């Protein structure tokens, strides 16, 4: 999913622009995923927004797999795969649009 989003951003911006945008993207993903701070500490609204995005689910999926807890595997897996497919489609459309220029 991150690769497809990176391809999408790379198709839209120049190499000079993508450096700053990439840094902002990495910061937002790490913040919204709950990798560095527990999302419950940031409030209920922020937590709901974070769980609507794929980043929390990717982190939770990797944590569950590493500790061998496969009970919530399907929930996190399908959220992550769904966003990966959506990212792939968006990246393909961006490249098609650029190739038509």
Protein backbone atom coordinates (compact mmCIF):
# COMPACT_ATOMS: atom_id res chain seq x y z
CA UNK A 1 0.00 0.00 0.00
CA UNK A 2 2.79 2.42 0.89
CA UNK A 3 4.57 1.63 -2.35
CA UNK A 4 1.44 2.37 -4.38
CA UNK A 5 0.89 5.65 -2.52
CA UNK A 6 4.54 6.51 -3.11
CA UNK A 7 4.14 5.82 -6.83
CA UNK A 8 1.01 7.97 -6.88
CA UNK A 9 2.78 10.88 -5.19
CA UNK A 10 5.80 10.42 -7.44
CA UNK A 11 3.55 10.62 -10.49
CA UNK A 12 2.02 13.88 -9.34
CA UNK A 13 5.05 15.80 -8.08
CA UNK A 14 8.60 16.52 -9.25
CA UNK A 15 11.66 15.14 -7.51
CA UNK A 16 12.18 18.46 -5.71
CA UNK A 17 8.57 18.61 -4.48
CA UNK A 18 8.34 15.00 -3.38
CA UNK A 19 11.09 15.39 -0.77
CA UNK A 20 9.01 17.71 1.39
CA UNK A 21 5.73 15.98 0.67
CA UNK A 22 7.30 12.59 1.42
CA UNK A 23 8.53 13.83 4.79
CA UNK A 24 5.07 15.13 5.68
CA UNK A 25 3.51 11.85 4.50
CA UNK A 26 5.85 9.76 6.64
CA UNK A 27 5.17 11.93 9.69
CA UNK A 28 1.39 11.73 9.23
CA UNK A 29 1.44 7.97 8.71
CA UNK A 30 3.53 7.37 11.82
CA UNK A 31 1.32 9.71 13.87
CA UNK A 32 -2.01 8.36 12.58
CA UNK A 33 -0.95 4.73 12.93
CA UNK A 34 -0.49 4.85 16.66
CA UNK A 35 3.05 3.58 16.30
CA UNK A 36 4.50 6.21 18.64
CA UNK A 37 1.60 7.11 20.93
CA UNK A 38 -1.54 5.37 22.14
CA UNK A 39 -4.44 6.75 20.12
CA UNK A 40 -6.82 6.68 23.09
CA UNK A 41 -4.75 9.44 24.68
CA UNK A 42 -5.51 11.79 21.78
CA UNK A 43 -9.29 11.73 22.09
CA UNK A 44 -12.21 9.81 20.72
CA UNK A 45 -12.58 11.82 17.50
CA UNK A 46 -8.93 11.43 16.55
CA UNK A 47 -9.13 7.71 17.35
CA UNK A 48 -12.16 7.25 15.08
CA UNK A 49 -10.44 9.07 12.23
CA UNK A 50 -7.31 6.96 12.69
CA UNK A 51 -9.25 3.69 12.65
CA UNK A 52 -10.99 4.72 9.42
CA UNK A 53 -7.56 4.89 7.75
CA UNK A 54 -5.41 1.83 7.02
CA UNK A 55 -2.35 2.76 9.05
CA UNK A 56 -3.61 1.61 12.47
CA UNK A 57 -4.79 -1.65 10.94
CA UNK A 58 -1.39 -2.30 9.34
CA UNK A 59 0.37 -1.72 12.68
CA UNK A 60 -2.13 -3.86 14.59
CA UNK A 61 -1.86 -6.63 11.99
CA UNK A 62 1.93 -6.71 12.25
CA UNK A 63 1.80 -6.67 16.07
CA UNK A 64 -0.73 -9.52 16.15
CA UNK A 65 1.28 -11.64 13.71
CA UNK A 66 4.51 -11.09 15.66
CA UNK A 67 2.98 -12.23 18.95
CA UNK A 68 0.99 -15.05 17.33
CA UNK A 69 -2.48 -13.63 18.01
CA UNK A 70 -4.48 -14.47 14.90
CA UNK A 71 -7.95 -13.79 16.33
CA UNK A 72 -8.22 -10.28 14.85
CA UNK A 73 -6.25 -11.13 11.71
CA UNK A 74 -9.20 -10.92 9.30
CA UNK A 75 -10.35 -7.50 10.46
CA UNK A 76 -6.97 -5.83 10.10
CA UNK A 77 -5.98 -7.80 7.00
CA UNK A 78 -9.02 -6.82 4.94
CA UNK A 79 -8.77 -3.13 5.90
CA UNK A 80 -5.14 -3.11 4.81
CA UNK A 81 -5.75 -5.07 1.59
CA UNK A 82 -8.74 -2.88 0.71
CA UNK A 83 -6.70 0.29 0.99
CA UNK A 84 -3.81 -1.35 -0.89
CA UNK A 85 -6.10 -2.16 -3.82
CA UNK A 86 -7.53 1.37 -3.75
CA UNK A 87 -3.98 2.81 -3.69
CA UNK A 88 -2.99 0.60 -6.63
CA UNK A 89 -5.97 1.77 -8.69
CA UNK A 90 -5.24 5.43 -7.91
CA UNK A 91 -1.55 4.99 -8.81
CA UNK A 92 -2.46 3.33 -12.12
CA UNK A 93 -4.88 6.13 -12.97
CA UNK A 94 -2.24 8.75 -12.15
CA UNK A 95 0.31 7.06 -14.40
CA UNK A 96 -2.24 6.72 -17.22
CA UNK A 97 -3.04 10.42 -16.95
CA UNK A 98 0.67 11.34 -17.04
CA UNK A 99 1.32 9.09 -20.05
CA UNK A 100 -1.47 10.83 -21.99
CA UNK A 101 0.22 14.25 -21.60
